[in-house]
Every structure is written in C-alpha cells, then in structure tokens.
N, C-alpha and C. Protein backbone atom coordinates (compact mmCIF):
# COMPACT_ATOMS: atom_id res chain seq x y z
N ALA A 1 12.09 -28.86 22.91
CA ALA A 1 12.20 -28.97 21.47
C ALA A 1 11.23 -28.00 20.79
N ASP A 2 10.00 -27.88 21.35
CA ASP A 2 9.03 -26.96 20.75
C ASP A 2 9.52 -25.53 20.83
N ALA A 3 10.13 -25.17 21.95
CA ALA A 3 10.62 -23.81 22.13
C ALA A 3 11.73 -23.50 21.13
N ALA A 4 12.63 -24.44 20.94
CA ALA A 4 13.74 -24.22 20.01
C ALA A 4 13.24 -24.07 18.57
N SER A 5 12.27 -24.88 18.18
CA SER A 5 11.74 -24.76 16.81
C SER A 5 10.95 -23.46 16.65
N SER A 6 10.27 -23.02 17.70
CA SER A 6 9.56 -21.73 17.64
C SER A 6 10.56 -20.59 17.48
N LEU A 7 11.67 -20.68 18.20
CA LEU A 7 12.71 -19.65 18.11
C LEU A 7 13.28 -19.61 16.69
N LYS A 8 13.58 -20.78 16.12
CA LYS A 8 14.11 -20.83 14.76
C LYS A 8 13.14 -20.26 13.75
N ALA A 9 11.83 -20.43 14.02
CA ALA A 9 10.80 -19.93 13.10
C ALA A 9 10.52 -18.44 13.32
N GLY A 10 11.19 -17.85 14.30
CA GLY A 10 10.99 -16.42 14.55
C GLY A 10 9.75 -16.13 15.39
N LYS A 11 9.22 -17.13 16.03
CA LYS A 11 8.03 -16.98 16.89
C LYS A 11 8.51 -16.83 18.33
N TYR A 12 8.96 -15.61 18.63
CA TYR A 12 9.63 -15.36 19.90
C TYR A 12 8.69 -15.48 21.10
N SER A 13 7.48 -14.98 20.97
CA SER A 13 6.53 -15.08 22.07
C SER A 13 6.19 -16.53 22.36
N GLU A 14 6.03 -17.30 21.29
CA GLU A 14 5.72 -18.72 21.43
C GLU A 14 6.89 -19.46 22.07
N ALA A 15 8.10 -19.15 21.64
CA ALA A 15 9.29 -19.79 22.21
C ALA A 15 9.39 -19.46 23.70
N MET A 16 9.18 -18.18 24.02
CA MET A 16 9.25 -17.75 25.42
C MET A 16 8.20 -18.49 26.25
N ALA A 17 6.99 -18.60 25.73
CA ALA A 17 5.91 -19.30 26.46
C ALA A 17 6.26 -20.77 26.66
N ASN A 18 6.86 -21.40 25.66
CA ASN A 18 7.24 -22.81 25.78
C ASN A 18 8.32 -23.01 26.85
N TYR A 19 9.31 -22.12 26.84
CA TYR A 19 10.36 -22.23 27.87
C TYR A 19 9.77 -21.98 29.26
N ARG A 20 8.87 -21.03 29.38
CA ARG A 20 8.24 -20.75 30.68
C ARG A 20 7.42 -21.95 31.16
N ALA A 21 6.76 -22.62 30.21
CA ALA A 21 5.97 -23.80 30.56
C ALA A 21 6.86 -24.89 31.15
N VAL A 22 8.06 -25.01 30.58
CA VAL A 22 9.02 -26.00 31.11
C VAL A 22 9.41 -25.60 32.53
N LEU A 23 9.65 -24.31 32.77
CA LEU A 23 10.06 -23.86 34.10
C LEU A 23 8.96 -24.01 35.14
N ILE A 24 7.72 -23.98 34.72
CA ILE A 24 6.61 -24.20 35.66
C ILE A 24 6.66 -25.63 36.16
N ILE A 25 6.96 -26.54 35.26
CA ILE A 25 7.03 -27.96 35.62
C ILE A 25 8.33 -28.26 36.35
N GLU A 26 9.40 -27.69 35.87
CA GLU A 26 10.73 -27.98 36.41
C GLU A 26 11.48 -26.66 36.62
N LYS A 27 11.33 -26.06 37.78
CA LYS A 27 11.84 -24.72 38.08
C LYS A 27 13.34 -24.55 37.87
N GLU A 28 14.09 -25.58 38.03
CA GLU A 28 15.55 -25.50 37.94
C GLU A 28 16.09 -25.94 36.58
N ASN A 29 15.26 -26.03 35.58
CA ASN A 29 15.69 -26.49 34.26
C ASN A 29 16.60 -25.44 33.63
N ARG A 30 17.88 -25.79 33.56
CA ARG A 30 18.89 -24.85 33.06
C ARG A 30 18.69 -24.54 31.59
N GLU A 31 18.33 -25.54 30.81
CA GLU A 31 18.13 -25.33 29.38
C GLU A 31 16.99 -24.32 29.13
N ALA A 32 15.91 -24.43 29.89
CA ALA A 32 14.79 -23.50 29.73
C ALA A 32 15.19 -22.09 30.16
N SER A 33 15.95 -21.99 31.25
CA SER A 33 16.40 -20.67 31.72
C SER A 33 17.30 -20.01 30.68
N LEU A 34 18.24 -20.78 30.15
CA LEU A 34 19.12 -20.25 29.10
C LEU A 34 18.33 -19.93 27.83
N GLY A 35 17.32 -20.75 27.55
CA GLY A 35 16.48 -20.52 26.38
C GLY A 35 15.74 -19.19 26.47
N ILE A 36 15.21 -18.88 27.64
CA ILE A 36 14.52 -17.60 27.84
C ILE A 36 15.50 -16.45 27.63
N GLN A 37 16.69 -16.58 28.17
CA GLN A 37 17.69 -15.52 27.99
C GLN A 37 18.05 -15.37 26.51
N ASN A 38 18.20 -16.50 25.83
CA ASN A 38 18.54 -16.47 24.41
C ASN A 38 17.42 -15.83 23.58
N VAL A 39 16.19 -16.22 23.86
CA VAL A 39 15.05 -15.64 23.14
C VAL A 39 15.01 -14.13 23.37
N ALA A 40 15.17 -13.71 24.61
CA ALA A 40 15.15 -12.28 24.92
C ALA A 40 16.26 -11.54 24.20
N ARG A 41 17.44 -12.13 24.17
CA ARG A 41 18.58 -11.50 23.50
C ARG A 41 18.33 -11.37 22.00
N VAL A 42 17.90 -12.45 21.38
CA VAL A 42 17.64 -12.44 19.93
C VAL A 42 16.52 -11.45 19.61
N ARG A 43 15.45 -11.50 20.40
CA ARG A 43 14.32 -10.59 20.19
C ARG A 43 14.78 -9.14 20.31
N ASP A 44 15.56 -8.84 21.35
CA ASP A 44 16.03 -7.48 21.57
C ASP A 44 16.94 -6.99 20.45
N GLU A 45 17.78 -7.88 19.92
CA GLU A 45 18.65 -7.51 18.80
C GLU A 45 17.82 -7.16 17.57
N ILE A 46 16.85 -8.01 17.27
CA ILE A 46 16.01 -7.79 16.09
C ILE A 46 15.19 -6.51 16.26
N VAL A 47 14.61 -6.34 17.43
CA VAL A 47 13.81 -5.14 17.70
C VAL A 47 14.69 -3.89 17.57
N GLY A 48 15.90 -3.95 18.12
CA GLY A 48 16.80 -2.81 18.04
C GLY A 48 17.14 -2.44 16.61
N LYS A 49 17.46 -3.44 15.81
CA LYS A 49 17.80 -3.19 14.40
C LYS A 49 16.61 -2.61 13.65
N ARG A 50 15.45 -3.20 13.84
CA ARG A 50 14.26 -2.73 13.12
C ARG A 50 13.81 -1.35 13.60
N MET A 51 13.97 -1.08 14.88
CA MET A 51 13.65 0.26 15.39
C MET A 51 14.58 1.29 14.77
N SER A 52 15.87 0.94 14.66
CA SER A 52 16.83 1.85 14.03
C SER A 52 16.44 2.15 12.58
N VAL A 53 16.04 1.12 11.85
CA VAL A 53 15.61 1.31 10.46
C VAL A 53 14.38 2.22 10.42
N GLY A 54 13.43 1.98 11.31
CA GLY A 54 12.21 2.78 11.35
C GLY A 54 12.48 4.23 11.70
N ILE A 55 13.31 4.45 12.70
CA ILE A 55 13.63 5.82 13.13
C ILE A 55 14.38 6.55 12.03
N ARG A 56 15.33 5.88 11.39
CA ARG A 56 16.08 6.50 10.30
C ARG A 56 15.13 6.87 9.16
N ALA A 57 14.25 5.97 8.79
CA ALA A 57 13.29 6.24 7.72
C ALA A 57 12.38 7.40 8.09
N TYR A 58 11.95 7.43 9.34
CA TYR A 58 11.08 8.52 9.80
C TYR A 58 11.80 9.86 9.69
N LYS A 59 13.04 9.91 10.16
CA LYS A 59 13.82 11.15 10.11
C LYS A 59 14.07 11.60 8.67
N GLU A 60 14.19 10.65 7.75
CA GLU A 60 14.43 10.97 6.34
C GLU A 60 13.14 11.31 5.60
N GLY A 61 12.00 11.18 6.29
CA GLY A 61 10.71 11.48 5.66
C GLY A 61 10.14 10.33 4.85
N SER A 62 10.71 9.15 5.00
CA SER A 62 10.20 7.95 4.31
C SER A 62 9.20 7.27 5.25
N TYR A 63 8.05 7.90 5.38
CA TYR A 63 7.09 7.48 6.41
C TYR A 63 6.48 6.11 6.14
N SER A 64 6.24 5.76 4.89
CA SER A 64 5.71 4.42 4.59
C SER A 64 6.72 3.34 4.99
N GLN A 65 7.99 3.60 4.71
CA GLN A 65 9.05 2.66 5.10
C GLN A 65 9.14 2.59 6.63
N ALA A 66 8.97 3.72 7.29
CA ALA A 66 9.01 3.75 8.75
C ALA A 66 7.85 2.93 9.33
N ILE A 67 6.67 3.10 8.77
CA ILE A 67 5.50 2.33 9.24
C ILE A 67 5.77 0.84 9.09
N SER A 68 6.35 0.46 7.98
CA SER A 68 6.66 -0.95 7.74
C SER A 68 7.67 -1.47 8.76
N ALA A 69 8.72 -0.70 9.01
CA ALA A 69 9.75 -1.12 9.98
C ALA A 69 9.16 -1.23 11.38
N PHE A 70 8.35 -0.26 11.78
CA PHE A 70 7.74 -0.33 13.11
C PHE A 70 6.74 -1.49 13.18
N GLY A 71 6.10 -1.79 12.06
CA GLY A 71 5.22 -2.97 12.00
C GLY A 71 6.00 -4.25 12.20
N ASP A 72 7.22 -4.30 11.63
CA ASP A 72 8.08 -5.47 11.84
C ASP A 72 8.43 -5.62 13.32
N VAL A 73 8.70 -4.50 14.00
CA VAL A 73 8.99 -4.54 15.44
C VAL A 73 7.79 -5.11 16.17
N LEU A 74 6.60 -4.64 15.81
CA LEU A 74 5.39 -5.07 16.51
C LEU A 74 5.04 -6.53 16.24
N GLN A 75 5.53 -7.07 15.13
CA GLN A 75 5.34 -8.50 14.91
C GLN A 75 6.18 -9.32 15.89
N VAL A 76 7.36 -8.81 16.20
CA VAL A 76 8.25 -9.49 17.13
C VAL A 76 7.82 -9.23 18.56
N ASP A 77 7.43 -7.98 18.84
CA ASP A 77 7.03 -7.58 20.20
C ASP A 77 5.78 -6.70 20.10
N PRO A 78 4.61 -7.33 20.11
CA PRO A 78 3.35 -6.60 19.92
C PRO A 78 3.07 -5.50 20.95
N THR A 79 3.76 -5.53 22.08
CA THR A 79 3.52 -4.53 23.12
C THR A 79 4.56 -3.42 23.13
N HIS A 80 5.40 -3.35 22.14
CA HIS A 80 6.49 -2.37 22.11
C HIS A 80 5.88 -0.97 21.96
N ALA A 81 5.84 -0.22 23.06
CA ALA A 81 5.16 1.08 23.11
C ALA A 81 5.78 2.10 22.17
N GLU A 82 7.09 2.15 22.10
CA GLU A 82 7.75 3.15 21.23
C GLU A 82 7.44 2.87 19.76
N ALA A 83 7.44 1.60 19.36
CA ALA A 83 7.11 1.25 17.98
C ALA A 83 5.67 1.64 17.66
N GLN A 84 4.77 1.39 18.60
CA GLN A 84 3.36 1.77 18.41
C GLN A 84 3.24 3.28 18.23
N LYS A 85 3.92 4.03 19.09
CA LYS A 85 3.87 5.49 19.05
C LYS A 85 4.46 6.01 17.74
N MET A 86 5.61 5.51 17.37
CA MET A 86 6.28 5.98 16.15
C MET A 86 5.47 5.61 14.90
N GLN A 87 4.83 4.46 14.93
CA GLN A 87 4.01 4.06 13.79
C GLN A 87 2.81 5.02 13.65
N ARG A 88 2.18 5.38 14.77
CA ARG A 88 1.08 6.35 14.75
C ARG A 88 1.56 7.71 14.23
N GLU A 89 2.73 8.14 14.69
CA GLU A 89 3.28 9.43 14.26
C GLU A 89 3.58 9.43 12.76
N ALA A 90 4.14 8.34 12.27
CA ALA A 90 4.45 8.25 10.83
C ALA A 90 3.15 8.27 10.02
N ARG A 91 2.13 7.57 10.50
CA ARG A 91 0.82 7.57 9.82
C ARG A 91 0.25 8.99 9.80
N ALA A 92 0.37 9.70 10.91
CA ALA A 92 -0.13 11.07 10.98
C ALA A 92 0.61 11.98 10.00
N ARG A 93 1.92 11.79 9.89
CA ARG A 93 2.71 12.60 8.96
C ARG A 93 2.28 12.32 7.52
N ILE A 94 2.06 11.06 7.20
CA ILE A 94 1.59 10.71 5.86
C ILE A 94 0.24 11.39 5.60
N ASP A 95 -0.65 11.29 6.56
CA ASP A 95 -1.97 11.90 6.39
C ASP A 95 -1.87 13.41 6.17
N GLU A 96 -0.97 14.06 6.91
CA GLU A 96 -0.76 15.51 6.72
C GLU A 96 -0.28 15.81 5.30
N LEU A 97 0.62 14.97 4.80
CA LEU A 97 1.17 15.18 3.46
C LEU A 97 0.14 14.94 2.35
N ILE A 98 -0.63 13.88 2.50
CA ILE A 98 -1.51 13.50 1.40
C ILE A 98 -2.86 14.20 1.41
N ASP A 99 -3.28 14.74 2.54
CA ASP A 99 -4.60 15.37 2.60
C ASP A 99 -4.83 16.44 1.53
N PRO A 100 -3.89 17.37 1.32
CA PRO A 100 -4.13 18.37 0.27
C PRO A 100 -4.23 17.75 -1.13
N TRP A 101 -3.40 16.74 -1.40
CA TRP A 101 -3.44 16.08 -2.71
C TRP A 101 -4.74 15.30 -2.89
N LEU A 102 -5.17 14.65 -1.82
CA LEU A 102 -6.41 13.88 -1.88
C LEU A 102 -7.58 14.82 -2.14
N LYS A 103 -7.62 15.93 -1.41
CA LYS A 103 -8.69 16.92 -1.59
C LYS A 103 -8.66 17.49 -3.01
N ALA A 104 -7.47 17.85 -3.49
CA ALA A 104 -7.33 18.39 -4.85
C ALA A 104 -7.79 17.36 -5.89
N GLY A 105 -7.45 16.11 -5.66
CA GLY A 105 -7.84 15.05 -6.59
C GLY A 105 -9.35 14.87 -6.64
N VAL A 106 -9.98 14.85 -5.48
CA VAL A 106 -11.44 14.70 -5.42
C VAL A 106 -12.11 15.90 -6.07
N ASP A 107 -11.64 17.10 -5.76
CA ASP A 107 -12.22 18.32 -6.36
C ASP A 107 -12.08 18.29 -7.88
N ALA A 108 -10.89 17.94 -8.37
CA ALA A 108 -10.67 17.89 -9.81
C ALA A 108 -11.57 16.83 -10.46
N TYR A 109 -11.70 15.70 -9.80
CA TYR A 109 -12.56 14.63 -10.31
C TYR A 109 -14.00 15.10 -10.42
N LYS A 110 -14.48 15.77 -9.38
CA LYS A 110 -15.87 16.27 -9.37
C LYS A 110 -16.10 17.32 -10.46
N LYS A 111 -15.05 18.08 -10.79
CA LYS A 111 -15.15 19.09 -11.84
C LYS A 111 -14.96 18.50 -13.24
N GLY A 112 -14.59 17.23 -13.29
CA GLY A 112 -14.39 16.58 -14.58
C GLY A 112 -12.98 16.76 -15.14
N ASP A 113 -12.09 17.32 -14.35
CA ASP A 113 -10.70 17.51 -14.78
C ASP A 113 -9.92 16.24 -14.43
N ILE A 114 -10.10 15.23 -15.26
CA ILE A 114 -9.55 13.91 -14.99
C ILE A 114 -8.02 13.92 -14.93
N ASP A 115 -7.37 14.65 -15.84
CA ASP A 115 -5.91 14.66 -15.86
C ASP A 115 -5.34 15.22 -14.56
N SER A 116 -5.91 16.32 -14.06
CA SER A 116 -5.44 16.89 -12.79
C SER A 116 -5.72 15.95 -11.63
N ALA A 117 -6.88 15.30 -11.68
CA ALA A 117 -7.23 14.35 -10.63
C ALA A 117 -6.23 13.19 -10.60
N ILE A 118 -5.88 12.68 -11.76
CA ILE A 118 -4.92 11.57 -11.84
C ILE A 118 -3.58 11.98 -11.25
N ILE A 119 -3.11 13.18 -11.59
CA ILE A 119 -1.84 13.66 -11.06
C ILE A 119 -1.89 13.72 -9.53
N SER A 120 -2.97 14.27 -8.99
CA SER A 120 -3.10 14.38 -7.53
C SER A 120 -3.13 13.02 -6.86
N PHE A 121 -3.92 12.10 -7.42
CA PHE A 121 -4.01 10.78 -6.80
C PHE A 121 -2.71 9.99 -6.92
N LYS A 122 -1.96 10.21 -8.00
CA LYS A 122 -0.66 9.54 -8.12
C LYS A 122 0.34 10.10 -7.10
N LYS A 123 0.24 11.39 -6.79
CA LYS A 123 1.08 11.96 -5.73
C LYS A 123 0.74 11.29 -4.39
N VAL A 124 -0.55 11.08 -4.15
CA VAL A 124 -0.97 10.40 -2.92
C VAL A 124 -0.34 9.01 -2.86
N LEU A 125 -0.42 8.27 -3.96
CA LEU A 125 0.10 6.89 -3.96
C LEU A 125 1.62 6.83 -3.91
N ASN A 126 2.29 7.87 -4.37
CA ASN A 126 3.75 7.90 -4.24
C ASN A 126 4.16 8.01 -2.77
N THR A 127 3.34 8.70 -1.99
CA THR A 127 3.63 8.86 -0.56
C THR A 127 3.03 7.74 0.27
N ASP A 128 1.83 7.31 -0.12
CA ASP A 128 1.11 6.27 0.62
C ASP A 128 0.60 5.22 -0.37
N PRO A 129 1.47 4.27 -0.75
CA PRO A 129 1.12 3.30 -1.80
C PRO A 129 -0.13 2.47 -1.52
N ALA A 130 -0.53 2.37 -0.27
CA ALA A 130 -1.69 1.54 0.06
C ALA A 130 -2.98 2.35 0.19
N ASN A 131 -2.97 3.63 -0.16
CA ASN A 131 -4.15 4.48 0.04
C ASN A 131 -5.32 3.99 -0.81
N LYS A 132 -6.36 3.52 -0.14
CA LYS A 132 -7.51 2.92 -0.82
C LYS A 132 -8.32 3.95 -1.60
N GLU A 133 -8.50 5.13 -1.02
CA GLU A 133 -9.32 6.14 -1.68
C GLU A 133 -8.71 6.56 -3.03
N ALA A 134 -7.41 6.81 -3.04
CA ALA A 134 -6.75 7.20 -4.29
C ALA A 134 -6.84 6.07 -5.31
N LYS A 135 -6.66 4.83 -4.86
CA LYS A 135 -6.75 3.69 -5.77
C LYS A 135 -8.15 3.57 -6.37
N GLU A 136 -9.18 3.78 -5.53
CA GLU A 136 -10.55 3.67 -6.02
C GLU A 136 -10.84 4.73 -7.08
N TYR A 137 -10.42 5.97 -6.81
CA TYR A 137 -10.64 7.04 -7.78
C TYR A 137 -9.89 6.77 -9.08
N LEU A 138 -8.65 6.32 -8.97
CA LEU A 138 -7.89 6.02 -10.19
C LEU A 138 -8.56 4.90 -11.00
N GLY A 139 -9.12 3.93 -10.30
CA GLY A 139 -9.85 2.85 -10.98
C GLY A 139 -11.06 3.39 -11.72
N LYS A 140 -11.81 4.29 -11.08
CA LYS A 140 -12.98 4.90 -11.72
C LYS A 140 -12.55 5.69 -12.96
N MET A 141 -11.45 6.43 -12.81
CA MET A 141 -11.00 7.28 -13.91
C MET A 141 -10.46 6.46 -15.06
N ASP A 142 -9.82 5.35 -14.78
CA ASP A 142 -9.36 4.47 -15.86
C ASP A 142 -10.55 4.01 -16.69
N THR A 143 -11.62 3.64 -16.02
CA THR A 143 -12.84 3.21 -16.70
C THR A 143 -13.42 4.36 -17.52
N GLN A 144 -13.46 5.55 -16.93
CA GLN A 144 -14.01 6.71 -17.63
C GLN A 144 -13.15 7.08 -18.84
N LYS A 145 -11.83 7.04 -18.64
CA LYS A 145 -10.94 7.39 -19.77
C LYS A 145 -11.09 6.38 -20.90
N ALA A 146 -11.23 5.11 -20.57
CA ALA A 146 -11.41 4.10 -21.61
C ALA A 146 -12.72 4.34 -22.36
N LYS A 147 -13.77 4.65 -21.61
CA LYS A 147 -15.07 4.92 -22.23
C LYS A 147 -14.99 6.17 -23.11
N ALA A 148 -14.34 7.22 -22.62
CA ALA A 148 -14.19 8.45 -23.39
C ALA A 148 -13.39 8.20 -24.67
N SER A 149 -12.37 7.36 -24.57
CA SER A 149 -11.55 7.04 -25.74
C SER A 149 -12.38 6.32 -26.80
N VAL A 150 -13.20 5.38 -26.35
CA VAL A 150 -14.06 4.64 -27.28
C VAL A 150 -15.06 5.60 -27.92
N GLU A 151 -15.65 6.48 -27.12
CA GLU A 151 -16.62 7.44 -27.65
C GLU A 151 -15.97 8.37 -28.67
N LYS A 152 -14.76 8.77 -28.43
CA LYS A 152 -14.03 9.63 -29.35
C LYS A 152 -13.77 8.90 -30.67
N GLU A 153 -13.41 7.63 -30.57
CA GLU A 153 -13.17 6.81 -31.76
C GLU A 153 -14.46 6.65 -32.57
N ILE A 154 -15.56 6.43 -31.86
CA ILE A 154 -16.86 6.30 -32.53
C ILE A 154 -17.20 7.58 -33.28
N GLU A 155 -17.04 8.71 -32.62
CA GLU A 155 -17.35 10.00 -33.25
C GLU A 155 -16.48 10.24 -34.49
N LYS A 156 -15.21 9.88 -34.37
CA LYS A 156 -14.29 10.06 -35.50
C LYS A 156 -14.77 9.28 -36.72
N HIS A 157 -15.14 8.00 -36.55
CA HIS A 157 -15.59 7.17 -37.66
C HIS A 157 -16.95 7.66 -38.19
N TYR A 158 -17.81 8.09 -37.31
CA TYR A 158 -19.12 8.59 -37.72
C TYR A 158 -18.98 9.83 -38.60
N LEU A 159 -18.17 10.79 -38.14
CA LEU A 159 -17.97 12.02 -38.91
C LEU A 159 -17.25 11.75 -40.23
N LYS A 160 -16.31 10.82 -40.20
CA LYS A 160 -15.60 10.44 -41.44
C LYS A 160 -16.60 9.84 -42.43
N GLY A 161 -17.53 9.03 -41.92
CA GLY A 161 -18.57 8.43 -42.78
C GLY A 161 -19.44 9.50 -43.41
N ILE A 162 -19.82 10.52 -42.66
CA ILE A 162 -20.63 11.62 -43.20
C ILE A 162 -19.87 12.35 -44.30
N GLU A 163 -18.59 12.61 -44.02
CA GLU A 163 -17.74 13.29 -45.00
C GLU A 163 -17.66 12.49 -46.30
N LEU A 164 -17.43 11.19 -46.17
CA LEU A 164 -17.34 10.33 -47.36
C LEU A 164 -18.69 10.28 -48.09
N TYR A 165 -19.77 10.22 -47.36
CA TYR A 165 -21.11 10.15 -47.95
C TYR A 165 -21.39 11.41 -48.76
N THR A 166 -21.07 12.59 -48.17
CA THR A 166 -21.32 13.84 -48.89
C THR A 166 -20.42 13.99 -50.12
N ASP A 167 -19.30 13.29 -50.11
CA ASP A 167 -18.41 13.30 -51.28
C ASP A 167 -18.83 12.25 -52.31
N GLY A 168 -19.92 11.52 -51.99
CA GLY A 168 -20.41 10.51 -52.93
C GLY A 168 -19.68 9.19 -52.84
N LYS A 169 -18.89 9.01 -51.83
CA LYS A 169 -18.12 7.76 -51.66
C LYS A 169 -18.90 6.87 -50.69
N TYR A 170 -19.99 6.27 -51.23
CA TYR A 170 -20.94 5.55 -50.39
C TYR A 170 -20.37 4.28 -49.76
N ARG A 171 -19.59 3.54 -50.52
CA ARG A 171 -19.01 2.30 -49.96
C ARG A 171 -18.05 2.61 -48.80
N GLU A 172 -17.18 3.61 -49.02
CA GLU A 172 -16.24 3.98 -47.95
C GLU A 172 -16.98 4.52 -46.74
N ALA A 173 -18.07 5.26 -47.00
CA ALA A 173 -18.89 5.78 -45.90
C ALA A 173 -19.47 4.62 -45.10
N MET A 174 -19.98 3.61 -45.80
CA MET A 174 -20.56 2.44 -45.11
C MET A 174 -19.49 1.71 -44.28
N GLU A 175 -18.28 1.61 -44.81
CA GLU A 175 -17.20 0.96 -44.06
C GLU A 175 -16.89 1.74 -42.78
N SER A 176 -16.88 3.05 -42.89
CA SER A 176 -16.60 3.89 -41.73
C SER A 176 -17.70 3.72 -40.69
N TRP A 177 -18.95 3.66 -41.13
CA TRP A 177 -20.07 3.50 -40.20
C TRP A 177 -20.10 2.10 -39.59
N LYS A 178 -19.62 1.11 -40.34
CA LYS A 178 -19.52 -0.25 -39.77
C LYS A 178 -18.54 -0.25 -38.57
N LYS A 179 -17.49 0.55 -38.70
CA LYS A 179 -16.54 0.68 -37.57
C LYS A 179 -17.23 1.28 -36.35
N VAL A 180 -18.19 2.19 -36.59
CA VAL A 180 -18.94 2.76 -35.47
C VAL A 180 -19.71 1.66 -34.76
N LEU A 181 -20.34 0.78 -35.54
CA LEU A 181 -21.13 -0.31 -34.96
C LEU A 181 -20.26 -1.32 -34.22
N GLU A 182 -19.04 -1.50 -34.73
CA GLU A 182 -18.12 -2.43 -34.06
C GLU A 182 -17.77 -1.89 -32.69
C-alpha cells in the first residue's frame, strides 16, 4: 500500500524502495514484482518525455527552459547522467551568452551610466531570469534612480522658490521652499 501511494504521489524512488522491501521479505511476491516493473515503466516514460522537452529547448536556444526540463528529469531520477550533462551544458551556454552583458552592465554602473547598465542587466535577466548579480544591481539602481528623482524634484522647487523670491512673490516662494522641506 505504501508503494502504491508513493507511486501515485510521483515518488518513484520511494515506491521502488517499498516494493523492494516487500521482495526482501517475500521473494515471490507477484504484486511487488509487477509494482517494480510498473514504477520503472512510468518513470522511464516521464523521463523520456521530459528529456525530449529539454533537448528540444536546448536545440532551440531556450537554455533556461532546458535547465528546468533537465531538472525535472533529475527530480524523477537523480542519477540520470545525460540529464546532468545536458543541464551543465545549458548552464554553460547561458553563462557564455550573459557574460558580455553582465560585464557591460557592471562597467556602465561603475561609470554612472545607469540607463545603459539597466539595459544590460535586463538582457541578462531575459536570458537567465534567476541571475542574482543582475537582480542585485537592478535593485541598487532602482534605489539610486528614486533618490536621484527626489533630488531633482527638490532642486526644481528650490530654484522655483528663488525665482519667485527675486520677482517679489514672497508667499509663493515660501510655498515652493516648503515643498523642498517636504
């Protein structure tokens, strides 16, 4: 019963182990023998389908999708050598693609060219949505852009206040400077 519920839950290794445990106790148990065959068949079908999805995605250049599909294979069969190899290859291809964008983004960020940096880091995330470095830089830049926007707004109200003051419009100047303080 445990093996059957493990199989239904998609826990193929657990189901296989449960059926094997039954065979250790009762070597001729037909249900356990058939259960092992069934688990192997179901596992092989799922692995085959997911490998096909991964290989197709890899060939199409959808490396993140390929990594995900090969990861699905490895959840079903953690020792699947081809899935491990293909997942490493897809990761390497992603790294090859994003390295120039990542470098360009970091360089632009260090030079203060925030707009170019954002474009480069967004290219990285389009190819590798989970890239931590690009996400961290974008987070920093969002904070910097917000701060720069506030500073620009402050300067605008301050200069407007000076203009109004020199025109003798003291009340309006004070209102503009109050906005600076806000």
